[in-house]
């Protein structure tokens, strides 16, 4: 399948689809892929395009170059943002780690992490379904070292993934942690040698892309609902998606392929 590149309003984000995989690249390497306003404003457009493209089965997000995944918000923009707000022309405030963006996407996301994942970069990667890191990566949330207030939503995102004890260590110390520490905490799913990072992620993405999309949608919905408080869980939503998968042509194709001892060809229908 040929590569299809999205036309974006900034060259600081790159997005393209190829072989069932949508790639979202944070392209600000001279600032360790720190997120500026233009980048954050482009992300909803990328997710909407990938969400609407049936050929895209899984999305991989990565940083440009080898030094960083995302090193947080672009500190250099803080003064610009404050001045713009005072002038009555506020800069875009869309956040790359906003839950609504990932819900609109509706497809599995893999974070391919090389180098620094700091501050907001940690929150970005936490939204991924699967996180794979190179063994030379570093992680941390230095809010306590900068005097930055940390919203409860960000704290909850960490607690949901690594638990209260590890969240306290990450946020109270503001220190950086290596890839093995991140694996121990559950911050990442896998750690591989740097040279193996892209091949590992490609294999993982291809495996997901070849699986049944309707099943994957139901599984992701179930995990999302189970992360909520019991009173807020929408079990009927998940049951509906399970029923759709059970009555689908993909379910029939899966059974035929199993009986015929061949690889199934799922269409999402």
C-alpha atoms as a PDB file:
ATOM      1  CA  UNK A   1       0.000   0.000   0.000  1.00  0.00           C
ATOM      2  CA  UNK A   2       1.571   3.348  -1.032  1.00  0.00           C
ATOM      3  CA  UNK A   3       2.409   6.001   1.531  1.00  0.00           C
ATOM      4  CA  UNK A   4      -0.196   8.753   1.932  1.00  0.00           C
ATOM      5  CA  UNK A   5       1.081  11.915   3.644  1.00  0.00           C
ATOM      6  CA  UNK A   6      -1.270  14.342   5.368  1.00  0.00           C
ATOM      7  CA  UNK A   7      -1.152  18.032   4.484  1.00  0.00           C
ATOM      8  CA  UNK A   8      -0.691  19.798   7.834  1.00  0.00           C
ATOM      9  CA  UNK A   9      -0.498  23.496   8.753  1.00  0.00           C
ATOM     10  CA  UNK A  10       2.935  23.057  10.353  1.00  0.00           C
ATOM     11  CA  UNK A  11       6.088  21.162   9.437  1.00  0.00           C
ATOM     12  CA  UNK A  12       6.656  20.476  13.138  1.00  0.00           C
ATOM     13  CA  UNK A  13       4.260  17.547  12.863  1.00  0.00           C
ATOM     14  CA  UNK A  14       4.542  14.830  10.226  1.00  0.00           C
ATOM     15  CA  UNK A  15       1.768  12.316   9.589  1.00  0.00           C
ATOM     16  CA  UNK A  16       1.437   9.603   6.982  1.00  0.00           C
ATOM     17  CA  UNK A  17      -0.260   6.243   6.500  1.00  0.00           C
ATOM     18  CA  UNK A  18       1.431   3.183   5.059  1.00  0.00           C
ATOM     19  CA  UNK A  19       0.624  -0.542   5.128  1.00  0.00           C
ATOM     20  CA  UNK A  20      -2.230  -0.132   7.588  1.00  0.00           C
ATOM     21  CA  UNK A  21      -0.161   1.947  10.026  1.00  0.00           C
ATOM     22  CA  UNK A  22      -0.663   5.644  10.674  1.00  0.00           C
ATOM     23  CA  UNK A  23       2.534   7.404  11.721  1.00  0.00           C
ATOM     24  CA  UNK A  24       2.484  10.586  13.801  1.00  0.00           C
ATOM     25  CA  UNK A  25       5.915  12.177  14.195  1.00  0.00           C
ATOM     26  CA  UNK A  26       6.742  14.996  16.625  1.00  0.00           C
ATOM     27  CA  UNK A  27       9.158  16.917  14.433  1.00  0.00           C
ATOM     28  CA  UNK A  28      10.902  19.504  16.597  1.00  0.00           C
ATOM     29  CA  UNK A  29      14.287  17.799  17.082  1.00  0.00           C
ATOM     30  CA  UNK A  30      16.328  20.925  17.754  1.00  0.00           C
ATOM     31  CA  UNK A  31      14.196  21.411  20.888  1.00  0.00           C
ATOM     32  CA  UNK A  32      14.056  17.701  21.743  1.00  0.00           C
ATOM     33  CA  UNK A  33      10.596  17.504  20.172  1.00  0.00           C
ATOM     34  CA  UNK A  34       9.072  19.847  22.732  1.00  0.00           C
ATOM     35  CA  UNK A  35       5.428  20.552  21.950  1.00  0.00           C
ATOM     36  CA  UNK A  36       4.662  24.062  20.778  1.00  0.00           C
ATOM     37  CA  UNK A  37       1.242  25.550  20.061  1.00  0.00           C
ATOM     38  CA  UNK A  38       1.368  24.771  16.332  1.00  0.00           C
ATOM     39  CA  UNK A  39       2.139  21.122  17.004  1.00  0.00           C
ATOM     40  CA  UNK A  40      -0.633  20.750  19.548  1.00  0.00           C
ATOM     41  CA  UNK A  41      -3.127  22.418  17.231  1.00  0.00           C
ATOM     42  CA  UNK A  42      -2.274  19.974  14.417  1.00  0.00           C
ATOM     43  CA  UNK A  43      -2.755  16.819  16.471  1.00  0.00           C
ATOM     44  CA  UNK A  44      -6.591  16.782  16.380  1.00  0.00           C
ATOM     45  CA  UNK A  45      -6.427  17.033  12.574  1.00  0.00           C
ATOM     46  CA  UNK A  46      -4.116  14.007  12.458  1.00  0.00           C
ATOM     47  CA  UNK A  47      -6.324  11.925  14.714  1.00  0.00           C
ATOM     48  CA  UNK A  48      -9.452  12.859  12.803  1.00  0.00           C
ATOM     49  CA  UNK A  49      -7.832  11.868   9.490  1.00  0.00           C
ATOM     50  CA  UNK A  50      -6.545   8.550  10.840  1.00  0.00           C
ATOM     51  CA  UNK A  51      -9.845   7.851  12.578  1.00  0.00           C
ATOM     52  CA  UNK A  52     -11.778   8.351   9.328  1.00  0.00           C
ATOM     53  CA  UNK A  53      -9.368   6.264   7.238  1.00  0.00           C
ATOM     54  CA  UNK A  54     -10.486   2.625   7.287  1.00  0.00           C
ATOM     55  CA  UNK A  55      -7.119   1.550   5.879  1.00  0.00           C
ATOM     56  CA  UNK A  56      -5.415   2.729   9.076  1.00  0.00           C
ATOM     57  CA  UNK A  57      -5.710  -0.024  11.674  1.00  0.00           C
ATOM     58  CA  UNK A  58      -3.143   1.182  14.241  1.00  0.00           C
ATOM     59  CA  UNK A  59      -1.275   4.420  14.946  1.00  0.00           C
ATOM     60  CA  UNK A  60       2.365   4.769  15.979  1.00  0.00           C
ATOM     61  CA  UNK A  61       3.594   7.995  17.528  1.00  0.00           C
ATOM     62  CA  UNK A  62       7.284   8.778  17.707  1.00  0.00           C
ATOM     63  CA  UNK A  63       9.726  11.646  17.957  1.00  0.00           C
ATOM     64  CA  UNK A  64      11.945  12.781  15.096  1.00  0.00           C
ATOM     65  CA  UNK A  65      15.587  11.839  15.461  1.00  0.00           C
ATOM     66  CA  UNK A  66      17.157   9.711  18.157  1.00  0.00           C
ATOM     67  CA  UNK A  67      17.400  12.097  21.111  1.00  0.00           C
ATOM     68  CA  UNK A  68      13.816  12.479  22.248  1.00  0.00           C
ATOM     69  CA  UNK A  69      10.269  11.198  22.038  1.00  0.00           C
ATOM     70  CA  UNK A  70       8.662  14.348  23.466  1.00  0.00           C
ATOM     71  CA  UNK A  71      10.478  16.456  26.054  1.00  0.00           C
ATOM     72  CA  UNK A  72       7.355  18.229  27.288  1.00  0.00           C
ATOM     73  CA  UNK A  73       5.893  21.607  26.496  1.00  0.00           C
ATOM     74  CA  UNK A  74       8.073  24.150  24.704  1.00  0.00           C
ATOM     75  CA  UNK A  75       9.201  26.324  27.635  1.00  0.00           C
ATOM     76  CA  UNK A  76      10.192  29.039  25.177  1.00  0.00           C
ATOM     77  CA  UNK A  77       6.520  29.604  24.409  1.00  0.00           C
ATOM     78  CA  UNK A  78       5.438  30.359  27.965  1.00  0.00           C
ATOM     79  CA  UNK A  79       6.181  34.081  27.666  1.00  0.00           C
ATOM     80  CA  UNK A  80       4.532  34.197  24.220  1.00  0.00           C
ATOM     81  CA  UNK A  81       1.413  32.535  25.591  1.00  0.00           C
ATOM     82  CA  UNK A  82       1.196  34.934  28.511  1.00  0.00           C
ATOM     83  CA  UNK A  83       1.661  37.955  26.237  1.00  0.00           C
ATOM     84  CA  UNK A  84      -0.926  36.658  23.764  1.00  0.00           C
ATOM     85  CA  UNK A  85      -3.449  36.122  26.541  1.00  0.00           C
ATOM     86  CA  UNK A  86      -2.942  39.678  27.795  1.00  0.00           C
ATOM     87  CA  UNK A  87      -3.384  40.980  24.248  1.00  0.00           C
ATOM     88  CA  UNK A  88      -6.664  39.113  23.876  1.00  0.00           C
ATOM     89  CA  UNK A  89      -5.315  36.751  21.210  1.00  0.00           C
ATOM     90  CA  UNK A  90      -4.648  33.518  23.123  1.00  0.00           C
ATOM     91  CA  UNK A  91      -2.645  30.771  21.479  1.00  0.00           C
ATOM     92  CA  UNK A  92      -4.310  27.389  20.808  1.00  0.00           C
ATOM     93  CA  UNK A  93      -4.790  25.374  23.980  1.00  0.00           C
ATOM     94  CA  UNK A  94      -5.508  21.897  22.562  1.00  0.00           C
ATOM     95  CA  UNK A  95      -3.469  19.348  24.481  1.00  0.00           C
ATOM     96  CA  UNK A  96      -1.768  16.374  22.902  1.00  0.00           C
ATOM     97  CA  UNK A  97      -2.743  14.227  25.883  1.00  0.00           C
ATOM     98  CA  UNK A  98      -6.440  15.185  25.918  1.00  0.00           C
ATOM     99  CA  UNK A  99      -8.678  12.117  26.390  1.00  0.00           C
ATOM    100  CA  UNK A 100     -11.147  13.345  23.788  1.00  0.00           C
ATOM    101  CA  UNK A 101      -8.511  13.221  21.054  1.00  0.00           C
ATOM    102  CA  UNK A 102      -7.824   9.549  21.633  1.00  0.00           C
ATOM    103  CA  UNK A 103     -11.516   8.707  21.893  1.00  0.00           C
ATOM    104  CA  UNK A 104     -12.149  10.348  18.525  1.00  0.00           C
ATOM    105  CA  UNK A 105      -9.280   8.373  17.018  1.00  0.00           C
ATOM    106  CA  UNK A 106     -10.815   5.099  18.157  1.00  0.00           C
ATOM    107  CA  UNK A 107      -7.849   2.928  17.115  1.00  0.00           C
ATOM    108  CA  UNK A 108      -4.923   1.356  18.976  1.00  0.00           C
ATOM    109  CA  UNK A 109      -1.922   3.599  19.573  1.00  0.00           C
ATOM    110  CA  UNK A 110       1.673   2.515  20.086  1.00  0.00           C
ATOM    111  CA  UNK A 111       4.240   4.890  21.549  1.00  0.00           C
ATOM    112  CA  UNK A 112       7.712   4.298  20.101  1.00  0.00           C
ATOM    113  CA  UNK A 113      10.009   5.942  22.631  1.00  0.00           C
ATOM    114  CA  UNK A 114      13.655   6.813  22.006  1.00  0.00           C
ATOM    115  CA  UNK A 115      15.524   9.248  24.250  1.00  0.00           C
ATOM    116  CA  UNK A 116      13.748  11.762  26.468  1.00  0.00           C
ATOM    117  CA  UNK A 117      10.095  11.439  27.470  1.00  0.00           C
ATOM    118  CA  UNK A 118       9.676  14.230  29.976  1.00  0.00           C
ATOM    119  CA  UNK A 119       6.861  16.260  31.483  1.00  0.00           C
ATOM    120  CA  UNK A 120       3.993  16.440  29.031  1.00  0.00           C
ATOM    121  CA  UNK A 121       5.802  13.850  26.944  1.00  0.00           C
ATOM    122  CA  UNK A 122       5.057  11.298  29.658  1.00  0.00           C
ATOM    123  CA  UNK A 123       1.368  12.214  29.508  1.00  0.00           C
ATOM    124  CA  UNK A 124       1.412  11.843  25.724  1.00  0.00           C
ATOM    125  CA  UNK A 125       2.880   8.354  25.893  1.00  0.00           C
ATOM    126  CA  UNK A 126       0.499   7.301  28.685  1.00  0.00           C
ATOM    127  CA  UNK A 127      -2.391   7.657  26.252  1.00  0.00           C
ATOM    128  CA  UNK A 128      -0.912   4.933  24.065  1.00  0.00           C
ATOM    129  CA  UNK A 129      -2.277   1.413  24.380  1.00  0.00           C
ATOM    130  CA  UNK A 130       1.251  -0.010  24.234  1.00  0.00           C
ATOM    131  CA  UNK A 131       4.555   1.715  25.002  1.00  0.00           C
ATOM    132  CA  UNK A 132       7.861   0.370  23.683  1.00  0.00           C
ATOM    133  CA  UNK A 133      11.086   2.094  24.712  1.00  0.00           C
ATOM    134  CA  UNK A 134      14.726   1.865  23.717  1.00  0.00           C
ATOM    135  CA  UNK A 135      17.154   0.950  26.466  1.00  0.00           C
ATOM    136  CA  UNK A 136      18.724   4.428  26.362  1.00  0.00           C
ATOM    137  CA  UNK A 137      15.459   6.275  27.051  1.00  0.00           C
ATOM    138  CA  UNK A 138      14.891   8.555  30.038  1.00  0.00           C
ATOM    139  CA  UNK A 139      11.619   9.449  31.740  1.00  0.00           C
ATOM    140  CA  UNK A 140      10.523  12.045  34.251  1.00  0.00           C
ATOM    141  CA  UNK A 141       8.044  14.708  35.255  1.00  0.00           C
ATOM    142  CA  UNK A 142      10.068  17.668  36.597  1.00  0.00           C
ATOM    143  CA  UNK A 143       7.095  19.792  37.697  1.00  0.00           C
ATOM    144  CA  UNK A 144       8.321  19.915  41.302  1.00  0.00           C
ATOM    145  CA  UNK A 145      11.689  21.269  40.128  1.00  0.00           C
ATOM    146  CA  UNK A 146      10.008  24.006  38.076  1.00  0.00           C
ATOM    147  CA  UNK A 147       7.312  25.122  40.492  1.00  0.00           C
ATOM    148  CA  UNK A 148       4.653  24.085  37.998  1.00  0.00           C
ATOM    149  CA  UNK A 149       1.209  23.116  39.292  1.00  0.00           C
ATOM    150  CA  UNK A 150       0.251  19.597  38.239  1.00  0.00           C
ATOM    151  CA  UNK A 151      -3.413  19.039  37.445  1.00  0.00           C
ATOM    152  CA  UNK A 152      -5.327  16.190  39.031  1.00  0.00           C
ATOM    153  CA  UNK A 153      -6.035  14.741  35.571  1.00  0.00           C
ATOM    154  CA  UNK A 154      -2.291  14.342  35.003  1.00  0.00           C
ATOM    155  CA  UNK A 155      -1.802  12.737  38.402  1.00  0.00           C
ATOM    156  CA  UNK A 156      -4.677  10.338  37.706  1.00  0.00           C
ATOM    157  CA  UNK A 157      -3.152   9.381  34.343  1.00  0.00           C
ATOM    158  CA  UNK A 158       0.005   8.301  36.155  1.00  0.00           C
ATOM    159  CA  UNK A 159      -1.821   6.554  39.003  1.00  0.00           C
ATOM    160  CA  UNK A 160      -3.920   4.566  36.519  1.00  0.00           C
ATOM    161  CA  UNK A 161      -0.770   3.192  34.880  1.00  0.00           C
ATOM    162  CA  UNK A 162       1.906   2.920  37.577  1.00  0.00           C
ATOM    163  CA  UNK A 163      -0.078   3.055  40.826  1.00  0.00           C
ATOM    164  CA  UNK A 164       0.013   5.528  43.739  1.00  0.00           C
ATOM    165  CA  UNK A 165       3.443   4.597  45.129  1.00  0.00           C
ATOM    166  CA  UNK A 166       5.299   5.001  41.838  1.00  0.00           C
ATOM    167  CA  UNK A 167       3.333   8.156  41.050  1.00  0.00           C
ATOM    168  CA  UNK A 168       4.507   9.676  44.312  1.00  0.00           C
ATOM    169  CA  UNK A 169       8.122   8.806  43.533  1.00  0.00           C
ATOM    170  CA  UNK A 170       7.914  10.250  40.020  1.00  0.00           C
ATOM    171  CA  UNK A 171       6.158  13.496  40.982  1.00  0.00           C
ATOM    172  CA  UNK A 172       7.624  14.190  44.432  1.00  0.00           C
ATOM    173  CA  UNK A 173      11.245  13.732  43.339  1.00  0.00           C
ATOM    174  CA  UNK A 174      10.962  15.252  39.868  1.00  0.00           C
ATOM    175  CA  UNK A 175      13.902  13.010  38.970  1.00  0.00           C
ATOM    176  CA  UNK A 176      14.651  11.200  35.726  1.00  0.00           C
ATOM    177  CA  UNK A 177      14.336   7.432  35.512  1.00  0.00           C
ATOM    178  CA  UNK A 178      16.035   5.077  33.092  1.00  0.00           C
ATOM    179  CA  UNK A 179      14.268   2.583  30.856  1.00  0.00           C
ATOM    180  CA  UNK A 180      14.648  -0.323  33.271  1.00  0.00           C
ATOM    181  CA  UNK A 181      13.131   1.738  36.086  1.00  0.00           C
ATOM    182  CA  UNK A 182      10.269   2.662  33.755  1.00  0.00           C
ATOM    183  CA  UNK A 183       9.722  -1.019  32.942  1.00  0.00           C
ATOM    184  CA  UNK A 184       9.746  -1.938  36.640  1.00  0.00           C
ATOM    185  CA  UNK A 185       7.144   0.735  37.376  1.00  0.00           C
ATOM    186  CA  UNK A 186       4.924  -0.326  34.490  1.00  0.00           C
ATOM    187  CA  UNK A 187       5.437   2.985  32.719  1.00  0.00           C
ATOM    188  CA  UNK A 188       6.399   1.076  29.555  1.00  0.00           C
ATOM    189  CA  UNK A 189       5.465  -2.391  28.273  1.00  0.00           C
ATOM    190  CA  UNK A 190       8.783  -3.334  26.708  1.00  0.00           C
ATOM    191  CA  UNK A 191      12.401  -2.195  26.648  1.00  0.00           C
ATOM    192  CA  UNK A 192      14.565  -3.203  23.689  1.00  0.00           C
ATOM    193  CA  UNK A 193      18.018  -2.268  22.393  1.00  0.00           C
ATOM    194  CA  UNK A 194      17.931   0.988  20.447  1.00  0.00           C
ATOM    195  CA  UNK A 195      18.796  -0.782  17.193  1.00  0.00           C
ATOM    196  CA  UNK A 196      15.782  -3.089  17.654  1.00  0.00           C
ATOM    197  CA  UNK A 197      13.239  -0.396  18.532  1.00  0.00           C
ATOM    198  CA  UNK A 198      11.776   0.324  15.106  1.00  0.00           C
ATOM    199  CA  UNK A 199      11.715  -3.327  13.926  1.00  0.00           C
ATOM    200  CA  UNK A 200      10.010  -4.327  17.184  1.00  0.00           C
ATOM    201  CA  UNK A 201       7.372  -1.622  16.862  1.00  0.00           C
ATOM    202  CA  UNK A 202       6.797  -2.402  13.184  1.00  0.00           C
ATOM    203  CA  UNK A 203       6.228  -6.076  13.956  1.00  0.00           C
ATOM    204  CA  UNK A 204       3.877  -5.225  16.807  1.00  0.00           C
ATOM    205  CA  UNK A 205       1.936  -2.709  14.707  1.00  0.00           C
ATOM    206  CA  UNK A 206       1.648  -5.142  11.805  1.00  0.00           C
ATOM    207  CA  UNK A 207       0.306  -7.841  14.126  1.00  0.00           C
ATOM    208  CA  UNK A 208      -2.398  -5.486  15.419  1.00  0.00           C
ATOM    209  CA  UNK A 209      -3.179  -4.192  11.917  1.00  0.00           C
ATOM    210  CA  UNK A 210      -3.821  -7.751  10.732  1.00  0.00           C
ATOM    211  CA  UNK A 211      -6.206  -8.556  13.592  1.00  0.00           C
ATOM    212  CA  UNK A 212      -9.973  -8.044  13.530  1.00  0.00           C
ATOM    213  CA  UNK A 213     -10.752  -4.301  13.875  1.00  0.00           C
ATOM    214  CA  UNK A 214     -14.193  -4.828  15.416  1.00  0.00           C
ATOM    215  CA  UNK A 215     -12.765  -7.086  18.111  1.00  0.00           C
ATOM    216  CA  UNK A 216     -10.020  -4.568  18.819  1.00  0.00           C
ATOM    217  CA  UNK A 217     -12.565  -1.756  19.089  1.00  0.00           C
ATOM    218  CA  UNK A 218     -14.611  -3.753  21.616  1.00  0.00           C
ATOM    219  CA  UNK A 219     -11.530  -4.645  23.674  1.00  0.00           C
ATOM    220  CA  UNK A 220     -10.308  -1.056  23.802  1.00  0.00           C
ATOM    221  CA  UNK A 221     -13.767   0.153  24.821  1.00  0.00           C
ATOM    222  CA  UNK A 222     -13.884  -2.423  27.627  1.00  0.00           C
ATOM    223  CA  UNK A 223     -10.485  -1.361  28.959  1.00  0.00           C
ATOM    224  CA  UNK A 224     -11.506   2.315  28.796  1.00  0.00           C
ATOM    225  CA  UNK A 225     -14.744   1.666  30.674  1.00  0.00           C
ATOM    226  CA  UNK A 226     -13.028  -0.447  33.334  1.00  0.00           C
ATOM    227  CA  UNK A 227     -10.645   2.451  34.015  1.00  0.00           C
ATOM    228  CA  UNK A 228     -13.627   4.544  35.115  1.00  0.00           C
ATOM    229  CA  UNK A 229     -15.338   4.482  38.492  1.00  0.00           C
ATOM    230  CA  UNK A 230     -17.910   1.647  38.599  1.00  0.00           C
ATOM    231  CA  UNK A 231     -20.822   4.094  38.642  1.00  0.00           C
ATOM    232  CA  UNK A 232     -19.569   5.706  35.424  1.00  0.00           C
ATOM    233  CA  UNK A 233     -18.941   2.516  33.453  1.00  0.00           C
ATOM    234  CA  UNK A 234     -21.054   2.015  30.330  1.00  0.00           C
ATOM    235  CA  UNK A 235     -21.331  -1.764  30.135  1.00  0.00           C
ATOM    236  CA  UNK A 236     -24.067  -1.493  27.523  1.00  0.00           C
ATOM    237  CA  UNK A 237     -21.691   0.316  25.172  1.00  0.00           C
ATOM    238  CA  UNK A 238     -19.198  -2.544  25.363  1.00  0.00           C
ATOM    239  CA  UNK A 239     -21.911  -5.180  25.047  1.00  0.00           C
ATOM    240  CA  UNK A 240     -23.132  -3.470  21.895  1.00  0.00           C
ATOM    241  CA  UNK A 241     -19.665  -3.532  20.346  1.00  0.00           C
ATOM    242  CA  UNK A 242     -19.217  -7.187  21.286  1.00  0.00           C
ATOM    243  CA  UNK A 243     -22.534  -7.979  19.602  1.00  0.00           C
ATOM    244  CA  UNK A 244     -21.467  -6.123  16.449  1.00  0.00           C
ATOM    245  CA  UNK A 245     -18.253  -8.158  16.303  1.00  0.00           C
ATOM    246  CA  UNK A 246     -20.120 -11.419  16.908  1.00  0.00           C
ATOM    247  CA  UNK A 247     -22.463 -10.740  13.992  1.00  0.00           C
ATOM    248  CA  UNK A 248     -19.815  -9.503  11.606  1.00  0.00           C
ATOM    249  CA  UNK A 249     -18.419 -10.878   8.375  1.00  0.00           C
ATOM    250  CA  UNK A 250     -15.016 -10.736  10.085  1.00  0.00           C
ATOM    251  CA  UNK A 251     -16.209 -13.285  12.656  1.00  0.00           C
ATOM    252  CA  UNK A 252     -17.292 -15.597   9.847  1.00  0.00           C
ATOM    253  CA  UNK A 253     -13.993 -14.974   8.038  1.00  0.00           C
ATOM    254  CA  UNK A 254     -12.050 -15.784  11.182  1.00  0.00           C
ATOM    255  CA  UNK A 255     -13.802 -19.139  11.541  1.00  0.00           C
ATOM    256  CA  UNK A 256     -13.307 -19.977   7.863  1.00  0.00           C
ATOM    257  CA  UNK A 257      -9.623 -19.070   8.007  1.00  0.00           C
ATOM    258  CA  UNK A 258      -9.139 -21.232  11.115  1.00  0.00           C
ATOM    259  CA  UNK A 259     -10.827 -24.196   9.457  1.00  0.00           C
ATOM    260  CA  UNK A 260      -8.878 -23.696   6.232  1.00  0.00           C
ATOM    261  CA  UNK A 261      -5.595 -23.173   8.115  1.00  0.00           C
ATOM    262  CA  UNK A 262      -4.852 -19.837   6.482  1.00  0.00           C
ATOM    263  CA  UNK A 263      -4.346 -16.251   7.521  1.00  0.00           C
ATOM    264  CA  UNK A 264      -7.661 -14.370   7.854  1.00  0.00           C
ATOM    265  CA  UNK A 265      -8.403 -11.279   5.774  1.00  0.00           C
ATOM    266  CA  UNK A 266     -10.322  -8.954   8.087  1.00  0.00           C
ATOM    267  CA  UNK A 267     -12.151  -5.947   6.604  1.00  0.00           C
ATOM    268  CA  UNK A 268     -13.735  -4.378   9.670  1.00  0.00           C
ATOM    269  CA  UNK A 269     -17.230  -5.376   8.553  1.00  0.00           C
END
